[in-house]
């Protein structure tokens, strides 16, 4: 987790962080969610709104295997 958060933080552009996180989810889903849970305030805007909006706009240039993320109203 420590090594991966450093890897994600090296990127300045949120879309690059998004791509790094989606790559991690593809390779190691358990680590992806562990990292997300431990750094939720920092990473949720990267893997959810607003960065996902930009990813949608640039979808054809960054396409990866589709993934879903569900967050309950309570959470």
C-alpha atoms as a PDB file:
ATOM      1  CA  UNK A   1       0.000   0.000   0.000  1.00  0.00           C
ATOM      2  CA  UNK A   2       2.779   2.445   0.897  1.00  0.00           C
ATOM      3  CA  UNK A   3       4.647   1.763  -2.324  1.00  0.00           C
ATOM      4  CA  UNK A   4       1.533   2.051  -4.463  1.00  0.00           C
ATOM      5  CA  UNK A   5       0.320   5.323  -2.931  1.00  0.00           C
ATOM      6  CA  UNK A   6       3.765   6.779  -3.645  1.00  0.00           C
ATOM      7  CA  UNK A   7       3.450   5.548  -7.228  1.00  0.00           C
ATOM      8  CA  UNK A   8       0.037   7.183  -7.641  1.00  0.00           C
ATOM      9  CA  UNK A   9       1.170  10.414  -5.997  1.00  0.00           C
ATOM     10  CA  UNK A  10       4.019  10.819  -8.475  1.00  0.00           C
ATOM     11  CA  UNK A  11       1.465  11.869 -11.093  1.00  0.00           C
ATOM     12  CA  UNK A  12       0.348  15.496 -11.071  1.00  0.00           C
ATOM     13  CA  UNK A  13      -2.576  15.109 -13.486  1.00  0.00           C
ATOM     14  CA  UNK A  14      -5.706  13.469 -12.004  1.00  0.00           C
ATOM     15  CA  UNK A  15      -6.350  11.537 -15.227  1.00  0.00           C
ATOM     16  CA  UNK A  16      -2.900   9.946 -14.935  1.00  0.00           C
ATOM     17  CA  UNK A  17      -3.674   8.970 -11.340  1.00  0.00           C
ATOM     18  CA  UNK A  18      -6.969   7.501 -12.560  1.00  0.00           C
ATOM     19  CA  UNK A  19      -5.157   5.441 -15.175  1.00  0.00           C
ATOM     20  CA  UNK A  20      -2.654   4.183 -12.580  1.00  0.00           C
ATOM     21  CA  UNK A  21      -5.479   3.198 -10.251  1.00  0.00           C
ATOM     22  CA  UNK A  22      -7.427   1.436 -13.008  1.00  0.00           C
ATOM     23  CA  UNK A  23      -4.277  -0.429 -13.998  1.00  0.00           C
ATOM     24  CA  UNK A  24      -3.866  -1.520 -10.382  1.00  0.00           C
ATOM     25  CA  UNK A  25      -7.478  -2.652 -10.218  1.00  0.00           C
ATOM     26  CA  UNK A  26      -6.895  -4.757 -13.314  1.00  0.00           C
ATOM     27  CA  UNK A  27      -3.755  -6.358 -11.857  1.00  0.00           C
ATOM     28  CA  UNK A  28      -4.550  -6.626  -8.143  1.00  0.00           C
ATOM     29  CA  UNK A  29      -8.109  -5.840  -7.102  1.00  0.00           C
ATOM     30  CA  UNK A  30      -7.484  -6.517  -3.414  1.00  0.00           C
ATOM     31  CA  UNK A  31      -4.635  -4.013  -3.309  1.00  0.00           C
ATOM     32  CA  UNK A  32      -6.739  -1.514  -5.275  1.00  0.00           C
ATOM     33  CA  UNK A  33      -9.530  -1.582  -2.678  1.00  0.00           C
ATOM     34  CA  UNK A  34      -7.128  -1.634   0.275  1.00  0.00           C
ATOM     35  CA  UNK A  35      -5.403   1.462  -1.124  1.00  0.00           C
ATOM     36  CA  UNK A  36      -8.734   3.135  -1.833  1.00  0.00           C
ATOM     37  CA  UNK A  37     -10.060   2.436   1.671  1.00  0.00           C
ATOM     38  CA  UNK A  38      -6.900   3.667   3.398  1.00  0.00           C
ATOM     39  CA  UNK A  39      -6.731   6.844   1.266  1.00  0.00           C
ATOM     40  CA  UNK A  40     -10.418   7.395   0.511  1.00  0.00           C
ATOM     41  CA  UNK A  41     -10.429  11.213   0.719  1.00  0.00           C
ATOM     42  CA  UNK A  42      -7.457  11.504  -1.612  1.00  0.00           C
ATOM     43  CA  UNK A  43      -8.356   8.765  -4.099  1.00  0.00           C
ATOM     44  CA  UNK A  44     -12.149   8.830  -4.355  1.00  0.00           C
ATOM     45  CA  UNK A  45     -12.076  12.000  -6.503  1.00  0.00           C
ATOM     46  CA  UNK A  46      -9.595  10.155  -8.743  1.00  0.00           C
ATOM     47  CA  UNK A  47     -11.595   6.957  -9.258  1.00  0.00           C
ATOM     48  CA  UNK A  48     -15.020   8.602  -9.102  1.00  0.00           C
ATOM     49  CA  UNK A  49     -16.295  12.120  -9.843  1.00  0.00           C
ATOM     50  CA  UNK A  50     -14.847  14.464 -11.120  1.00  0.00           C
ATOM     51  CA  UNK A  51     -11.974  12.574 -12.763  1.00  0.00           C
ATOM     52  CA  UNK A  52     -14.245   9.913 -14.242  1.00  0.00           C
ATOM     53  CA  UNK A  53     -15.978  12.685 -16.198  1.00  0.00           C
ATOM     54  CA  UNK A  54     -12.712  13.585 -17.864  1.00  0.00           C
ATOM     55  CA  UNK A  55     -11.958   9.897 -18.442  1.00  0.00           C
ATOM     56  CA  UNK A  56     -15.326   9.576 -20.197  1.00  0.00           C
ATOM     57  CA  UNK A  57     -14.514  12.512 -22.431  1.00  0.00           C
ATOM     58  CA  UNK A  58     -11.155  10.965 -23.336  1.00  0.00           C
ATOM     59  CA  UNK A  59     -12.464   7.402 -23.360  1.00  0.00           C
ATOM     60  CA  UNK A  60     -11.172   6.415 -26.772  1.00  0.00           C
ATOM     61  CA  UNK A  61      -7.589   7.362 -25.909  1.00  0.00           C
ATOM     62  CA  UNK A  62      -7.446   5.651 -22.489  1.00  0.00           C
ATOM     63  CA  UNK A  63      -9.823   2.693 -22.856  1.00  0.00           C
ATOM     64  CA  UNK A  64      -9.259  -0.143 -20.426  1.00  0.00           C
ATOM     65  CA  UNK A  65     -11.451  -3.049 -19.441  1.00  0.00           C
ATOM     66  CA  UNK A  66     -14.712  -1.666 -17.976  1.00  0.00           C
ATOM     67  CA  UNK A  67     -15.042  -1.645 -14.164  1.00  0.00           C
ATOM     68  CA  UNK A  68     -17.756  -0.551 -11.730  1.00  0.00           C
ATOM     69  CA  UNK A  69     -17.623   1.125  -8.340  1.00  0.00           C
ATOM     70  CA  UNK A  70     -20.691   1.288  -6.108  1.00  0.00           C
ATOM     71  CA  UNK A  71     -20.983   3.578  -3.115  1.00  0.00           C
ATOM     72  CA  UNK A  72     -24.060   3.525  -0.952  1.00  0.00           C
ATOM     73  CA  UNK A  73     -25.795   6.751   0.100  1.00  0.00           C
ATOM     74  CA  UNK A  74     -24.780   5.996   3.709  1.00  0.00           C
ATOM     75  CA  UNK A  75     -21.111   5.673   2.765  1.00  0.00           C
END
